Amino acid sequence: MAKVIIGIHGLGNKPPKELLEKWWKKAILEGFNKLALPVPEFKFELVYWADLVYRYPENPEITDKKDPYFLEEPYTPSPAEEATKITNHSWRKKILQFIEKELEKVFLNEDLSLNYADVSDAIMYKYFMELEMYYGASNEQITLKQKTRNRLLQLIEKHKFDDLMILSHSMGTIIAYDVLQFELKNKSIHTFVTMGSPLGLPFIRAKIAKEIKTTGIQLKIATPECVTKSWINFADLEDKIALNFDLNNDFTSNSKGIQVADYEIKNDYSVNGIKNPHKIYGYLRSKEFIEQLQLFLSEKKELSIRNIVKDIRKIGHQIKYSTRLKQRI
């Protein structure tokens, strides 16, 4: 059983899949090197969905900043050490928590239905095109939701006999949560990681609650049942997308007692002296994430009769699948 990391990117256009996947891995390796840690073996695959929204990817060879496909924020190594020190944000944290409570009072009812839905939809339409498309009602928009979810589902199915870490960023955290919550029944996800996540925002939680109601089950916004080990959430307090930075008080534990563990990090990404505390590369090489990733990669499977039986069954399924595939060929 291999350790496999499945990543899913967030909002906005992206460079080509191969390059973006390479940069995600490069940022992770940089994080290990910064901590002087050996890099355990692991597989990494990226769920790429920018092509469902944008006609062409961002092009690193374009130098004209006015070109719509100019790549404004490529992967760049960490800045000087002093620039990565975590700032004391105690006052900022209190302000953000106050804003969170006030937003909930205004927009969210006790049954998690949404007040002023037209206002929130207008905000999504103006600032977050992909979110508006994802939650929209037209056939084209419904297709976007299905296609993004299906791409993640296909990779999970591909690695169904492996230990999986679902590593999601920005809007990718919404897609990943929806898949784990609504699409997976008899599968196990070892670790769910969210970075720079908008999941705690009232209008996102209301959308989740609305879909939960359609399933006919008891309303409960919680850690997805398929998560077996941990859900870890990382946020830089200056990340404007992760305005509601602490998800622990917004999502209850699942039946296994697994609840969100929130980590505040310093996202050190900058390009040409301009910081972006939401950028994925800074999250991936952060000390806090690398330490959690090392725990996942170095964890040895408990040797027990139950696990041995499970492995035998999985091997049997693999043999049957291979036999059927050969027969078809």
C-alpha atoms as a PDB file:
ATOM      1  CA  MET A   1       0.000   0.000   0.000  1.00  0.00           C
ATOM      2  CA  ALA A   2       1.602   3.242  -1.183  1.00  0.00           C
ATOM      3  CA  LYS A   3       1.337   6.718   0.272  1.00  0.00           C
ATOM      4  CA  VAL A   4      -0.360   8.902  -2.324  1.00  0.00           C
ATOM      5  CA  ILE A   5      -1.033  12.635  -2.271  1.00  0.00           C
ATOM      6  CA  ILE A   6      -3.823  13.909  -4.504  1.00  0.00           C
ATOM      7  CA  GLY A   7      -3.780  17.681  -4.911  1.00  0.00           C
ATOM      8  CA  ILE A   8      -6.548  19.904  -6.241  1.00  0.00           C
ATOM      9  CA  HIS A   9      -5.926  23.546  -7.135  1.00  0.00           C
ATOM     10  CA  GLY A  10      -8.083  26.587  -6.516  1.00  0.00           C
ATOM     11  CA  LEU A  11      -9.537  29.664  -8.163  1.00  0.00           C
ATOM     12  CA  GLY A  12      -8.197  31.383 -11.261  1.00  0.00           C
ATOM     13  CA  ASN A  13      -6.421  30.352 -14.404  1.00  0.00           C
ATOM     14  CA  LYS A  14      -3.288  28.241 -14.048  1.00  0.00           C
ATOM     15  CA  PRO A  15      -0.188  27.290 -16.049  1.00  0.00           C
ATOM     16  CA  PRO A  16      -0.328  23.960 -17.938  1.00  0.00           C
ATOM     17  CA  LYS A  17      -1.044  20.922 -15.774  1.00  0.00           C
ATOM     18  CA  GLU A  18       2.431  19.377 -16.105  1.00  0.00           C
ATOM     19  CA  LEU A  19       4.106  22.616 -15.009  1.00  0.00           C
ATOM     20  CA  LEU A  20       1.700  23.274 -12.145  1.00  0.00           C
ATOM     21  CA  GLU A  21       2.105  19.723 -10.873  1.00  0.00           C
ATOM     22  CA  LYS A  22       5.875  20.112 -11.076  1.00  0.00           C
ATOM     23  CA  TRP A  23       5.754  23.361  -9.075  1.00  0.00           C
ATOM     24  CA  TRP A  24       3.542  21.855  -6.356  1.00  0.00           C
ATOM     25  CA  LYS A  25       6.054  19.027  -5.897  1.00  0.00           C
ATOM     26  CA  LYS A  26       8.958  21.473  -6.006  1.00  0.00           C
ATOM     27  CA  ALA A  27       7.411  23.548  -3.211  1.00  0.00           C
ATOM     28  CA  ILE A  28       6.914  20.415  -1.080  1.00  0.00           C
ATOM     29  CA  LEU A  29      10.519  19.319  -1.617  1.00  0.00           C
ATOM     30  CA  GLU A  30      11.693  22.834  -0.765  1.00  0.00           C
ATOM     31  CA  GLY A  31       9.806  22.582   2.518  1.00  0.00           C
ATOM     32  CA  PHE A  32      11.587  19.343   3.431  1.00  0.00           C
ATOM     33  CA  ASN A  33      14.949  20.876   2.517  1.00  0.00           C
ATOM     34  CA  LYS A  34      14.277  23.992   4.606  1.00  0.00           C
ATOM     35  CA  LEU A  35      13.761  21.767   7.644  1.00  0.00           C
ATOM     36  CA  ALA A  36      16.738  19.561   6.717  1.00  0.00           C
ATOM     37  CA  LEU A  37      14.475  16.513   6.643  1.00  0.00           C
ATOM     38  CA  PRO A  38      14.913  13.471   4.414  1.00  0.00           C
ATOM     39  CA  VAL A  39      12.181  13.161   1.822  1.00  0.00           C
ATOM     40  CA  PRO A  40      10.134   9.963   2.212  1.00  0.00           C
ATOM     41  CA  GLU A  41       8.894   8.233  -0.926  1.00  0.00           C
ATOM     42  CA  PHE A  42       5.464   9.288  -2.099  1.00  0.00           C
ATOM     43  CA  LYS A  43       3.335   9.599  -5.207  1.00  0.00           C
ATOM     44  CA  PHE A  44       1.743  12.907  -6.150  1.00  0.00           C
ATOM     45  CA  GLU A  45      -1.004  13.579  -8.674  1.00  0.00           C
ATOM     46  CA  LEU A  46      -2.798  16.839  -9.331  1.00  0.00           C
ATOM     47  CA  VAL A  47      -6.481  17.269 -10.130  1.00  0.00           C
ATOM     48  CA  TYR A  48      -6.377  19.984 -12.786  1.00  0.00           C
ATOM     49  CA  TRP A  49      -9.640  21.713 -13.680  1.00  0.00           C
ATOM     50  CA  ALA A  50      -8.667  25.222 -14.881  1.00  0.00           C
ATOM     51  CA  ASP A  51      -9.187  23.990 -18.460  1.00  0.00           C
ATOM     52  CA  LEU A  52     -12.897  23.592 -17.714  1.00  0.00           C
ATOM     53  CA  VAL A  53     -13.174  27.355 -17.253  1.00  0.00           C
ATOM     54  CA  TYR A  54     -10.384  28.916 -19.317  1.00  0.00           C
ATOM     55  CA  ARG A  55      -9.739  28.375 -23.012  1.00  0.00           C
ATOM     56  CA  TYR A  56      -5.927  28.440 -22.680  1.00  0.00           C
ATOM     57  CA  PRO A  57      -3.593  28.081 -19.686  1.00  0.00           C
ATOM     58  CA  GLU A  58      -1.302  30.833 -18.436  1.00  0.00           C
ATOM     59  CA  ASN A  59       1.897  30.904 -20.468  1.00  0.00           C
ATOM     60  CA  PRO A  60       5.265  31.472 -18.718  1.00  0.00           C
ATOM     61  CA  GLU A  61       6.808  32.506 -22.056  1.00  0.00           C
ATOM     62  CA  ILE A  62       4.498  35.509 -22.461  1.00  0.00           C
ATOM     63  CA  THR A  63       6.197  38.732 -21.326  1.00  0.00           C
ATOM     64  CA  ASP A  64       3.391  41.187 -22.065  1.00  0.00           C
ATOM     65  CA  LYS A  65       1.679  41.841 -18.722  1.00  0.00           C
ATOM     66  CA  LYS A  66      -1.456  43.000 -20.520  1.00  0.00           C
ATOM     67  CA  ASP A  67      -1.875  39.644 -22.228  1.00  0.00           C
ATOM     68  CA  PRO A  68      -4.755  37.722 -20.525  1.00  0.00           C
ATOM     69  CA  TYR A  69      -2.576  34.593 -20.423  1.00  0.00           C
ATOM     70  CA  PHE A  70       0.452  36.282 -18.853  1.00  0.00           C
ATOM     71  CA  LEU A  71       1.674  34.228 -15.867  1.00  0.00           C
ATOM     72  CA  GLU A  72       1.817  36.767 -13.064  1.00  0.00           C
ATOM     73  CA  GLU A  73       2.715  34.480 -10.172  1.00  0.00           C
ATOM     74  CA  PRO A  74       5.086  31.639 -11.101  1.00  0.00           C
ATOM     75  CA  TYR A  75       6.738  29.398  -8.554  1.00  0.00           C
ATOM     76  CA  THR A  76       9.536  31.250  -6.752  1.00  0.00           C
ATOM     77  CA  PRO A  77      11.790  29.987  -3.933  1.00  0.00           C
ATOM     78  CA  SER A  78      11.340  31.205  -0.366  1.00  0.00           C
ATOM     79  CA  PRO A  79      12.581  34.735   0.382  1.00  0.00           C
ATOM     80  CA  ALA A  80      15.220  35.525   3.011  1.00  0.00           C
ATOM     81  CA  GLU A  81      14.779  33.790   6.370  1.00  0.00           C
ATOM     82  CA  GLU A  82      13.812  36.968   8.243  1.00  0.00           C
ATOM     83  CA  ALA A  83      10.920  37.503   5.836  1.00  0.00           C
ATOM     84  CA  THR A  84       9.372  34.161   6.807  1.00  0.00           C
ATOM     85  CA  LYS A  85       9.071  34.851  10.539  1.00  0.00           C
ATOM     86  CA  ILE A  86       5.513  34.639  11.826  1.00  0.00           C
ATOM     87  CA  THR A  87       4.108  38.017  12.855  1.00  0.00           C
ATOM     88  CA  ASN A  88       2.122  38.345  16.063  1.00  0.00           C
ATOM     89  CA  HIS A  89      -1.421  38.669  14.761  1.00  0.00           C
ATOM     90  CA  SER A  90      -3.294  38.504  18.077  1.00  0.00           C
ATOM     91  CA  TRP A  91      -5.289  41.653  17.343  1.00  0.00           C
ATOM     92  CA  ARG A  92      -5.924  40.627  13.749  1.00  0.00           C
ATOM     93  CA  LYS A  93      -7.201  37.268  14.977  1.00  0.00           C
ATOM     94  CA  LYS A  94      -9.665  38.956  17.325  1.00  0.00           C
ATOM     95  CA  ILE A  95     -10.870  41.251  14.539  1.00  0.00           C
ATOM     96  CA  LEU A  96     -11.323  38.317  12.127  1.00  0.00           C
ATOM     97  CA  GLN A  97     -13.248  36.342  14.746  1.00  0.00           C
ATOM     98  CA  PHE A  98     -15.459  39.370  15.384  1.00  0.00           C
ATOM     99  CA  ILE A  99     -16.117  39.760  11.645  1.00  0.00           C
ATOM    100  CA  GLU A 100     -16.943  36.042  11.418  1.00  0.00           C
ATOM    101  CA  LYS A 101     -19.553  36.306  14.182  1.00  0.00           C
ATOM    102  CA  GLU A 102     -21.119  39.410  12.674  1.00  0.00           C
ATOM    103  CA  LEU A 103     -21.295  37.857   9.204  1.00  0.00           C
ATOM    104  CA  GLU A 104     -23.018  34.806  10.643  1.00  0.00           C
ATOM    105  CA  LYS A 105     -25.560  36.962  12.484  1.00  0.00           C
ATOM    106  CA  VAL A 106     -26.428  38.807   9.278  1.00  0.00           C
ATOM    107  CA  PHE A 107     -26.290  36.024   6.683  1.00  0.00           C
ATOM    108  CA  LEU A 108     -26.829  32.680   8.428  1.00  0.00           C
ATOM    109  CA  ASN A 109     -29.986  31.369  10.099  1.00  0.00           C
ATOM    110  CA  GLU A 110     -30.043  28.691  12.786  1.00  0.00           C
ATOM    111  CA  ASP A 111     -30.989  26.046  10.217  1.00  0.00           C
ATOM    112  CA  LEU A 112     -27.981  27.175   8.123  1.00  0.00           C
ATOM    113  CA  SER A 113     -30.198  28.677   5.448  1.00  0.00           C
ATOM    114  CA  LEU A 114     -28.962  31.932   3.957  1.00  0.00           C
ATOM    115  CA  ASN A 115     -30.311  35.450   4.373  1.00  0.00           C
ATOM    116  CA  TYR A 116     -29.782  37.891   1.516  1.00  0.00           C
ATOM    117  CA  ALA A 117     -28.941  35.106  -0.942  1.00  0.00           C
ATOM    118  CA  ASP A 118     -29.073  37.601  -3.817  1.00  0.00           C
ATOM    119  CA  VAL A 119     -26.308  39.633  -2.183  1.00  0.00           C
ATOM    120  CA  SER A 120     -24.000  36.640  -1.738  1.00  0.00           C
ATOM    121  CA  ASP A 121     -24.700  35.461  -5.291  1.00  0.00           C
ATOM    122  CA  ALA A 122     -23.875  38.949  -6.591  1.00  0.00           C
ATOM    123  CA  ILE A 123     -20.558  38.889  -4.692  1.00  0.00           C
ATOM    124  CA  MET A 124     -19.698  35.489  -6.165  1.00  0.00           C
ATOM    125  CA  TYR A 125     -20.606  36.667  -9.652  1.00  0.00           C
ATOM    126  CA  LYS A 126     -18.431  39.785  -9.392  1.00  0.00           C
ATOM    127  CA  TYR A 127     -15.333  38.402  -7.675  1.00  0.00           C
ATOM    128  CA  PHE A 128     -15.358  34.617  -7.974  1.00  0.00           C
ATOM    129  CA  MET A 129     -16.422  33.515 -11.439  1.00  0.00           C
ATOM    130  CA  GLU A 130     -15.616  29.853 -10.840  1.00  0.00           C
ATOM    131  CA  LEU A 131     -17.662  29.739  -7.627  1.00  0.00           C
ATOM    132  CA  GLU A 132     -20.619  31.343  -9.357  1.00  0.00           C
ATOM    133  CA  MET A 133     -20.349  28.752 -12.120  1.00  0.00           C
ATOM    134  CA  TYR A 134     -19.935  25.894  -9.617  1.00  0.00           C
ATOM    135  CA  TYR A 135     -23.025  26.826  -7.618  1.00  0.00           C
ATOM    136  CA  GLY A 136     -25.083  28.077 -10.574  1.00  0.00           C
ATOM    137  CA  ALA A 137     -28.268  26.527 -11.903  1.00  0.00           C
ATOM    138  CA  SER A 138     -27.783  26.416 -15.678  1.00  0.00           C
ATOM    139  CA  ASN A 139     -26.898  23.173 -17.446  1.00  0.00           C
ATOM    140  CA  GLU A 140     -23.426  24.501 -18.258  1.00  0.00           C
ATOM    141  CA  GLN A 141     -22.788  25.359 -14.626  1.00  0.00           C
ATOM    142  CA  ILE A 142     -24.122  22.040 -13.352  1.00  0.00           C
ATOM    143  CA  THR A 143     -21.730  20.362 -15.766  1.00  0.00           C
ATOM    144  CA  LEU A 144     -18.805  22.259 -14.207  1.00  0.00           C
ATOM    145  CA  LYS A 145     -19.730  20.961 -10.766  1.00  0.00           C
ATOM    146  CA  GLN A 146     -20.012  17.397 -12.034  1.00  0.00           C
ATOM    147  CA  LYS A 147     -16.801  17.523 -14.038  1.00  0.00           C
ATOM    148  CA  THR A 148     -14.649  18.960 -11.251  1.00  0.00           C
ATOM    149  CA  ARG A 149     -15.970  16.397  -8.797  1.00  0.00           C
ATOM    150  CA  ASN A 150     -15.543  13.570 -11.287  1.00  0.00           C
ATOM    151  CA  ARG A 151     -11.890  14.396 -11.891  1.00  0.00           C
ATOM    152  CA  LEU A 152     -11.153  14.035  -8.195  1.00  0.00           C
ATOM    153  CA  LEU A 153     -13.299  10.908  -7.946  1.00  0.00           C
ATOM    154  CA  GLN A 154     -11.397   9.277 -10.812  1.00  0.00           C
ATOM    155  CA  LEU A 155      -8.046   9.717  -9.055  1.00  0.00           C
ATOM    156  CA  ILE A 156      -9.448   8.475  -5.756  1.00  0.00           C
ATOM    157  CA  GLU A 157     -10.764   5.389  -7.544  1.00  0.00           C
ATOM    158  CA  LYS A 158      -7.398   4.908  -9.255  1.00  0.00           C
ATOM    159  CA  HIS A 159      -5.663   4.816  -5.858  1.00  0.00           C
ATOM    160  CA  LYS A 160      -8.419   3.116  -3.876  1.00  0.00           C
ATOM    161  CA  PHE A 161      -5.996   0.591  -2.375  1.00  0.00           C
ATOM    162  CA  ASP A 162      -3.515   3.235  -1.211  1.00  0.00           C
ATOM    163  CA  ASP A 163      -3.270   5.525   1.809  1.00  0.00           C
ATOM    164  CA  LEU A 164      -4.571   8.846   0.510  1.00  0.00           C
ATOM    165  CA  MET A 165      -3.971  12.424   1.502  1.00  0.00           C
ATOM    166  CA  ILE A 166      -6.342  14.824  -0.252  1.00  0.00           C
ATOM    167  CA  LEU A 167      -4.440  18.109  -0.459  1.00  0.00           C
ATOM    168  CA  SER A 168      -6.729  20.985  -1.443  1.00  0.00           C
ATOM    169  CA  HIS A 169      -6.325  24.728  -1.884  1.00  0.00           C
ATOM    170  CA  SER A 170      -8.760  27.646  -2.096  1.00  0.00           C
ATOM    171  CA  MET A 171     -11.855  26.671  -4.117  1.00  0.00           C
ATOM    172  CA  GLY A 172     -10.309  23.216  -4.418  1.00  0.00           C
ATOM    173  CA  THR A 173     -11.146  22.766  -0.723  1.00  0.00           C
ATOM    174  CA  ILE A 174     -14.845  23.204  -1.564  1.00  0.00           C
ATOM    175  CA  ILE A 175     -14.712  20.664  -4.393  1.00  0.00           C
ATOM    176  CA  ALA A 176     -12.750  18.227  -2.240  1.00  0.00           C
ATOM    177  CA  TYR A 177     -15.090  18.606   0.745  1.00  0.00           C
ATOM    178  CA  ASP A 178     -18.147  18.074  -1.453  1.00  0.00           C
ATOM    179  CA  VAL A 179     -16.656  14.913  -2.963  1.00  0.00           C
ATOM    180  CA  LEU A 180     -15.669  13.494   0.423  1.00  0.00           C
ATOM    181  CA  GLN A 181     -18.997  14.444   1.986  1.00  0.00           C
ATOM    182  CA  PHE A 182     -21.446  13.534  -0.785  1.00  0.00           C
ATOM    183  CA  GLU A 183     -19.729  11.185  -3.250  1.00  0.00           C
ATOM    184  CA  LEU A 184     -17.708   8.701  -1.173  1.00  0.00           C
ATOM    185  CA  LYS A 185     -19.534   6.004   0.753  1.00  0.00           C
ATOM    186  CA  ASN A 186     -17.430   2.876   1.156  1.00  0.00           C
ATOM    187  CA  LYS A 187     -14.006   4.436   0.669  1.00  0.00           C
ATOM    188  CA  SER A 188     -11.430   5.638   3.181  1.00  0.00           C
ATOM    189  CA  ILE A 189      -9.430   8.857   3.040  1.00  0.00           C
ATOM    190  CA  HIS A 190      -6.573   8.841   5.519  1.00  0.00           C
ATOM    191  CA  THR A 191      -5.966  12.607   5.701  1.00  0.00           C
ATOM    192  CA  PHE A 192      -7.863  15.606   4.383  1.00  0.00           C
ATOM    193  CA  VAL A 193      -5.856  18.842   4.109  1.00  0.00           C
ATOM    194  CA  THR A 194      -7.325  22.268   3.399  1.00  0.00           C
ATOM    195  CA  MET A 195      -5.208  25.370   2.681  1.00  0.00           C
ATOM    196  CA  GLY A 196      -6.396  28.954   2.296  1.00  0.00           C
ATOM    197  CA  SER A 197      -9.944  27.662   2.478  1.00  0.00           C
ATOM    198  CA  PRO A 198     -13.191  29.642   2.137  1.00  0.00           C
ATOM    199  CA  LEU A 199     -15.204  26.719   3.591  1.00  0.00           C
ATOM    200  CA  GLY A 200     -15.977  28.647   6.778  1.00  0.00           C
ATOM    201  CA  LEU A 201     -17.685  31.553   5.007  1.00  0.00           C
ATOM    202  CA  PRO A 202     -21.442  31.692   5.737  1.00  0.00           C
ATOM    203  CA  PHE A 203     -22.591  31.474   2.115  1.00  0.00           C
ATOM    204  CA  ILE A 204     -20.365  28.425   1.476  1.00  0.00           C
ATOM    205  CA  ARG A 205     -21.628  26.620   4.570  1.00  0.00           C
ATOM    206  CA  ALA A 206     -25.194  27.450   3.535  1.00  0.00           C
ATOM    207  CA  LYS A 207     -24.552  25.842   0.125  1.00  0.00           C
ATOM    208  CA  ILE A 208     -23.200  22.712   1.854  1.00  0.00           C
ATOM    209  CA  ALA A 209     -26.192  22.598   4.194  1.00  0.00           C
ATOM    210  CA  LYS A 210     -28.578  22.968   1.261  1.00  0.00           C
ATOM    211  CA  GLU A 211     -27.046  19.932  -0.471  1.00  0.00           C
ATOM    212  CA  ILE A 212     -27.096  17.939   2.769  1.00  0.00           C
ATOM    213  CA  LYS A 213     -30.838  18.583   3.044  1.00  0.00           C
ATOM    214  CA  THR A 214     -31.389  17.088  -0.411  1.00  0.00           C
ATOM    215  CA  THR A 215     -29.847  13.804   0.778  1.00  0.00           C
ATOM    216  CA  GLY A 216     -32.546  13.377   3.407  1.00  0.00           C
ATOM    217  CA  ILE A 217     -30.050  12.777   6.207  1.00  0.00           C
ATOM    218  CA  GLN A 218     -29.852  14.709   9.455  1.00  0.00           C
ATOM    219  CA  LEU A 219     -28.450  18.194   8.947  1.00  0.00           C
ATOM    220  CA  LYS A 220     -24.897  18.225  10.186  1.00  0.00           C
ATOM    221  CA  ILE A 221     -21.944  20.043   8.708  1.00  0.00           C
ATOM    222  CA  ALA A 222     -19.095  17.853   9.848  1.00  0.00           C
ATOM    223  CA  THR A 223     -15.870  16.147   8.955  1.00  0.00           C
ATOM    224  CA  PRO A 224     -16.753  13.757   6.095  1.00  0.00           C
ATOM    225  CA  GLU A 225     -17.369  10.195   7.288  1.00  0.00           C
ATOM    226  CA  CYS A 226     -14.782   8.785   4.873  1.00  0.00           C
ATOM    227  CA  VAL A 227     -11.937  10.623   6.674  1.00  0.00           C
ATOM    228  CA  THR A 228     -10.304   8.063   8.941  1.00  0.00           C
ATOM    229  CA  LYS A 229      -7.291   9.815  10.479  1.00  0.00           C
ATOM    230  CA  SER A 230      -7.371  13.609  10.370  1.00  0.00           C
ATOM    231  CA  TRP A 231      -8.602  16.812   8.776  1.00  0.00           C
ATOM    232  CA  ILE A 232      -5.943  19.509   8.945  1.00  0.00           C
ATOM    233  CA  ASN A 233      -6.642  23.113   7.987  1.00  0.00           C
ATOM    234  CA  PHE A 234      -3.875  25.664   7.306  1.00  0.00           C
ATOM    235  CA  ALA A 235      -4.446  29.410   7.085  1.00  0.00           C
ATOM    236  CA  ASP A 236      -2.334  32.540   6.978  1.00  0.00           C
ATOM    237  CA  LEU A 237      -4.189  35.248   8.898  1.00  0.00           C
ATOM    238  CA  GLU A 238      -3.440  37.665   6.060  1.00  0.00           C
ATOM    239  CA  ASP A 239      -5.045  35.354   3.502  1.00  0.00           C
ATOM    240  CA  LYS A 240      -8.213  37.183   2.423  1.00  0.00           C
ATOM    241  CA  ILE A 241      -9.800  34.053   0.952  1.00  0.00           C
ATOM    242  CA  ALA A 242      -9.450  32.268   4.306  1.00  0.00           C
ATOM    243  CA  LEU A 243     -11.216  35.111   6.108  1.00  0.00           C
ATOM    244  CA  ASN A 244     -12.802  32.578   8.432  1.00  0.00           C
ATOM    245  CA  PHE A 245      -9.472  30.964   9.278  1.00  0.00           C
ATOM    246  CA  ASP A 246     -10.586  28.569  12.034  1.00  0.00           C
ATOM    247  CA  LEU A 247     -12.876  25.824  10.767  1.00  0.00           C
ATOM    248  CA  ASN A 248     -12.939  23.892  14.031  1.00  0.00           C
ATOM    249  CA  ASN A 249     -15.942  25.812  15.343  1.00  0.00           C
ATOM    250  CA  ASP A 250     -17.842  25.540  12.030  1.00  0.00           C
ATOM    251  CA  PHE A 251     -17.601  21.787  11.326  1.00  0.00           C
ATOM    252  CA  THR A 252     -18.388  19.159  13.935  1.00  0.00           C
ATOM    253  CA  SER A 253     -16.576  15.845  14.268  1.00  0.00           C
ATOM    254  CA  ASN A 254     -17.617  12.748  12.319  1.00  0.00           C
ATOM    255  CA  SER A 255     -18.684   9.478  13.946  1.00  0.00           C
ATOM    256  CA  LYS A 256     -15.021   8.549  14.414  1.00  0.00           C
ATOM    257  CA  GLY A 257     -14.451  11.663  16.526  1.00  0.00           C
ATOM    258  CA  ILE A 258     -12.290  13.348  13.896  1.00  0.00           C
ATOM    259  CA  GLN A 259     -12.568  17.121  13.967  1.00  0.00           C
ATOM    260  CA  VAL A 260     -10.736  19.853  12.103  1.00  0.00           C
ATOM    261  CA  ALA A 261      -7.306  20.749  13.493  1.00  0.00           C
ATOM    262  CA  ASP A 262      -6.526  24.388  12.619  1.00  0.00           C
ATOM    263  CA  TYR A 263      -2.956  25.615  12.071  1.00  0.00           C
ATOM    264  CA  GLU A 264      -1.917  29.232  11.585  1.00  0.00           C
ATOM    265  CA  ILE A 265       1.035  29.517   9.230  1.00  0.00           C
ATOM    266  CA  LYS A 266       3.188  32.162   7.594  1.00  0.00           C
ATOM    267  CA  ASN A 267       2.747  31.995   3.828  1.00  0.00           C
ATOM    268  CA  ASP A 268       6.077  33.305   2.538  1.00  0.00           C
ATOM    269  CA  TYR A 269       5.209  33.528  -1.162  1.00  0.00           C
ATOM    270  CA  SER A 270       6.265  36.686  -2.964  1.00  0.00           C
ATOM    271  CA  VAL A 271       7.230  37.599  -6.520  1.00  0.00           C
ATOM    272  CA  ASN A 272       9.066  40.791  -7.469  1.00  0.00           C
ATOM    273  CA  GLY A 273       8.700  41.947  -3.879  1.00  0.00           C
ATOM    274  CA  ILE A 274       4.904  41.569  -3.895  1.00  0.00           C
ATOM    275  CA  LYS A 275       3.486  39.193  -1.274  1.00  0.00           C
ATOM    276  CA  ASN A 276       0.528  36.896  -1.776  1.00  0.00           C
ATOM    277  CA  PRO A 277      -0.374  35.085   1.475  1.00  0.00           C
ATOM    278  CA  HIS A 278      -2.952  33.012  -0.418  1.00  0.00           C
ATOM    279  CA  LYS A 279      -0.552  31.422  -2.921  1.00  0.00           C
ATOM    280  CA  ILE A 280      -0.280  27.647  -2.767  1.00  0.00           C
ATOM    281  CA  TYR A 281       3.523  27.456  -2.952  1.00  0.00           C
ATOM    282  CA  GLY A 282       3.931  29.268   0.369  1.00  0.00           C
ATOM    283  CA  TYR A 283       1.459  26.912   2.025  1.00  0.00           C
ATOM    284  CA  LEU A 284       3.124  23.784   0.638  1.00  0.00           C
ATOM    285  CA  ARG A 285       6.594  24.644   1.958  1.00  0.00           C
ATOM    286  CA  SER A 286       5.426  25.897   5.372  1.00  0.00           C
ATOM    287  CA  LYS A 287       6.987  24.254   8.409  1.00  0.00           C
ATOM    288  CA  GLU A 288       3.608  23.279   9.855  1.00  0.00           C
ATOM    289  CA  PHE A 289       2.437  21.475   6.733  1.00  0.00           C
ATOM    290  CA  ILE A 290       5.733  19.680   6.122  1.00  0.00           C
ATOM    291  CA  GLU A 291       5.702  18.350   9.674  1.00  0.00           C
ATOM    292  CA  GLN A 292       2.186  16.963   9.178  1.00  0.00           C
ATOM    293  CA  LEU A 293       3.110  15.563   5.772  1.00  0.00           C
ATOM    294  CA  GLN A 294       6.116  13.801   7.262  1.00  0.00           C
ATOM    295  CA  LEU A 295       3.864  12.178   9.868  1.00  0.00           C
ATOM    296  CA  PHE A 296       1.553  10.930   7.120  1.00  0.00           C
ATOM    297  CA  LEU A 297       4.384   9.616   4.946  1.00  0.00           C
ATOM    298  CA  SER A 298       6.332   7.976   7.771  1.00  0.00           C
ATOM    299  CA  GLU A 299       3.364   6.355   9.511  1.00  0.00           C
ATOM    300  CA  LYS A 300       3.604   2.600   9.323  1.00  0.00           C
ATOM    301  CA  LYS A 301       0.480   0.556   8.951  1.00  0.00           C
ATOM    302  CA  GLU A 302      -0.464  -1.327  12.081  1.00  0.00           C
ATOM    303  CA  LEU A 303       0.151  -5.035  11.618  1.00  0.00           C
ATOM    304  CA  SER A 304      -2.986  -6.873  12.670  1.00  0.00           C
ATOM    305  CA  ILE A 305      -5.138  -9.773  11.537  1.00  0.00           C
ATOM    306  CA  ARG A 306      -7.799  -7.294  10.447  1.00  0.00           C
ATOM    307  CA  ASN A 307      -5.386  -5.349   8.252  1.00  0.00           C
ATOM    308  CA  ILE A 308      -3.903  -8.525   6.784  1.00  0.00           C
ATOM    309  CA  VAL A 309      -7.381  -9.749   5.829  1.00  0.00           C
ATOM    310  CA  LYS A 310      -8.183  -6.359   4.280  1.00  0.00           C
ATOM    311  CA  ASP A 311      -4.960  -6.462   2.248  1.00  0.00           C
ATOM    312  CA  ILE A 312      -5.699  -9.987   1.023  1.00  0.00           C
ATOM    313  CA  ARG A 313      -9.148  -8.866  -0.099  1.00  0.00           C
ATOM    314  CA  LYS A 314      -7.697  -5.849  -1.891  1.00  0.00           C
ATOM    315  CA  ILE A 315      -5.131  -8.002  -3.674  1.00  0.00           C
ATOM    316  CA  GLY A 316      -7.946 -10.339  -4.700  1.00  0.00           C
ATOM    317  CA  HIS A 317      -9.914  -7.428  -6.140  1.00  0.00           C
ATOM    318  CA  GLN A 318      -6.841  -6.251  -8.050  1.00  0.00           C
ATOM    319  CA  ILE A 319      -6.310  -9.722  -9.539  1.00  0.00           C
ATOM    320  CA  LYS A 320      -9.968  -9.945 -10.599  1.00  0.00           C
ATOM    321  CA  TYR A 321      -9.801  -6.483 -12.164  1.00  0.00           C
ATOM    322  CA  SER A 322      -6.606  -7.355 -14.073  1.00  0.00           C
ATOM    323  CA  THR A 323      -8.152 -10.621 -15.316  1.00  0.00           C
ATOM    324  CA  ARG A 324     -11.260  -8.848 -16.595  1.00  0.00           C
ATOM    325  CA  LEU A 325      -9.132  -6.198 -18.286  1.00  0.00           C
ATOM    326  CA  LYS A 326      -7.040  -8.855 -20.085  1.00  0.00           C
ATOM    327  CA  GLN A 327     -10.220 -10.638 -21.221  1.00  0.00           C
ATOM    328  CA  ARG A 328     -11.547  -7.411 -22.720  1.00  0.00           C
ATOM    329  CA  ILE A 329      -8.263  -6.810 -24.558  1.00  0.00           C
END
